[in-house]
Amino acid sequence: MINQRTPYAVEVRISHRNELEDELDQAVEGAIREAHNAPGHGVLVTRHDDKTFTVELSHEVPHGTISELVLYP
């Protein structure tokens, strides 16, 4: 399940491991499209736990790059 936030932040929640790649790919592709309209922002993918992720534009990530952050052990 993908929930869109604003300005561009998407929460991805999966119920099965086999959903992970497709769901994250869709969210990252959307973020890349949005980043073209938001110079100075890159894409940040945050893993909150094994089933919850956030994909968002971040001014802390260089434009044209994707960075990952893991918040749990």
Protein backbone atom coordinates (compact mmCIF):
# COMPACT_ATOMS: atom_id res chain seq x y z
CA MET A 1 0.00 0.00 0.00
CA ILE A 2 1.34 3.44 -0.92
CA ASN A 3 0.09 6.58 0.83
CA GLN A 4 1.08 9.92 -0.70
CA ARG A 5 2.02 12.80 1.58
CA THR A 6 2.90 16.33 0.56
CA PRO A 7 4.94 17.98 -0.95
CA TYR A 8 6.47 14.69 -2.06
CA ALA A 9 6.68 12.01 0.55
CA VAL A 10 5.23 8.55 0.07
CA GLU A 11 4.76 5.97 2.78
CA VAL A 12 5.10 2.38 1.59
CA ARG A 13 3.70 -0.40 3.78
CA ILE A 14 4.04 -3.98 2.70
CA SER A 15 2.39 -7.07 4.06
CA HIS A 16 4.59 -9.59 2.23
CA ARG A 17 8.27 -9.49 1.27
CA ASN A 18 7.45 -10.14 -2.39
CA GLU A 19 5.67 -6.75 -2.58
CA LEU A 20 8.73 -4.80 -1.46
CA GLU A 21 10.62 -4.35 -4.71
CA ASP A 22 7.64 -3.34 -6.86
CA GLU A 23 6.18 -0.95 -4.28
CA LEU A 24 9.49 0.77 -3.58
CA ASP A 25 10.35 0.97 -7.30
CA GLN A 26 7.05 2.76 -7.99
CA ALA A 27 7.56 5.20 -5.13
CA VAL A 28 11.17 5.95 -6.13
CA GLU A 29 10.21 6.46 -9.78
CA GLY A 30 7.58 8.98 -8.68
CA ALA A 31 10.12 10.77 -6.50
CA ILE A 32 12.61 10.95 -9.37
CA ARG A 33 9.95 12.53 -11.61
CA GLU A 34 9.15 15.08 -8.89
CA ALA A 35 12.85 15.80 -8.29
CA HIS A 36 13.15 17.08 -11.87
CA ASN A 37 10.75 19.87 -10.83
CA ALA A 38 12.47 20.50 -7.50
CA PRO A 39 16.11 21.39 -8.17
CA GLY A 40 18.34 20.95 -5.15
CA HIS A 41 16.50 17.87 -3.88
CA GLY A 42 17.50 14.23 -4.05
CA VAL A 43 15.54 11.13 -3.08
CA LEU A 44 15.69 9.73 0.45
CA VAL A 45 14.40 6.22 1.16
CA THR A 46 13.94 5.60 4.89
CA ARG A 47 13.35 2.13 6.31
CA HIS A 48 11.37 2.44 9.54
CA ASP A 49 10.98 -1.30 10.09
CA ASP A 50 10.80 -4.40 7.92
CA LYS A 51 7.39 -3.42 6.50
CA THR A 52 7.33 0.40 6.51
CA PHE A 53 9.32 2.76 4.30
CA THR A 54 9.18 6.44 3.38
CA VAL A 55 10.30 7.76 0.00
CA GLU A 56 10.66 11.53 -0.11
CA LEU A 57 12.48 14.44 -1.65
CA SER A 58 15.17 15.87 0.59
CA HIS A 59 17.35 18.94 0.30
CA GLU A 60 19.93 17.00 2.36
CA VAL A 61 20.41 14.51 -0.49
CA PRO A 62 22.27 15.86 -3.54
CA HIS A 63 20.12 16.37 -6.64
CA GLY A 64 20.32 13.33 -8.92
CA THR A 65 21.09 10.85 -6.16
CA ILE A 66 19.17 8.40 -4.02
CA SER A 67 20.15 7.83 -0.40
CA GLU A 68 18.98 5.20 2.05
CA LEU A 69 18.49 5.54 5.80
CA VAL A 70 17.70 2.68 8.19
CA LEU A 71 16.06 3.70 11.48
CA TYR A 72 15.88 0.32 13.17
CA PRO A 73 18.49 -2.33 14.00
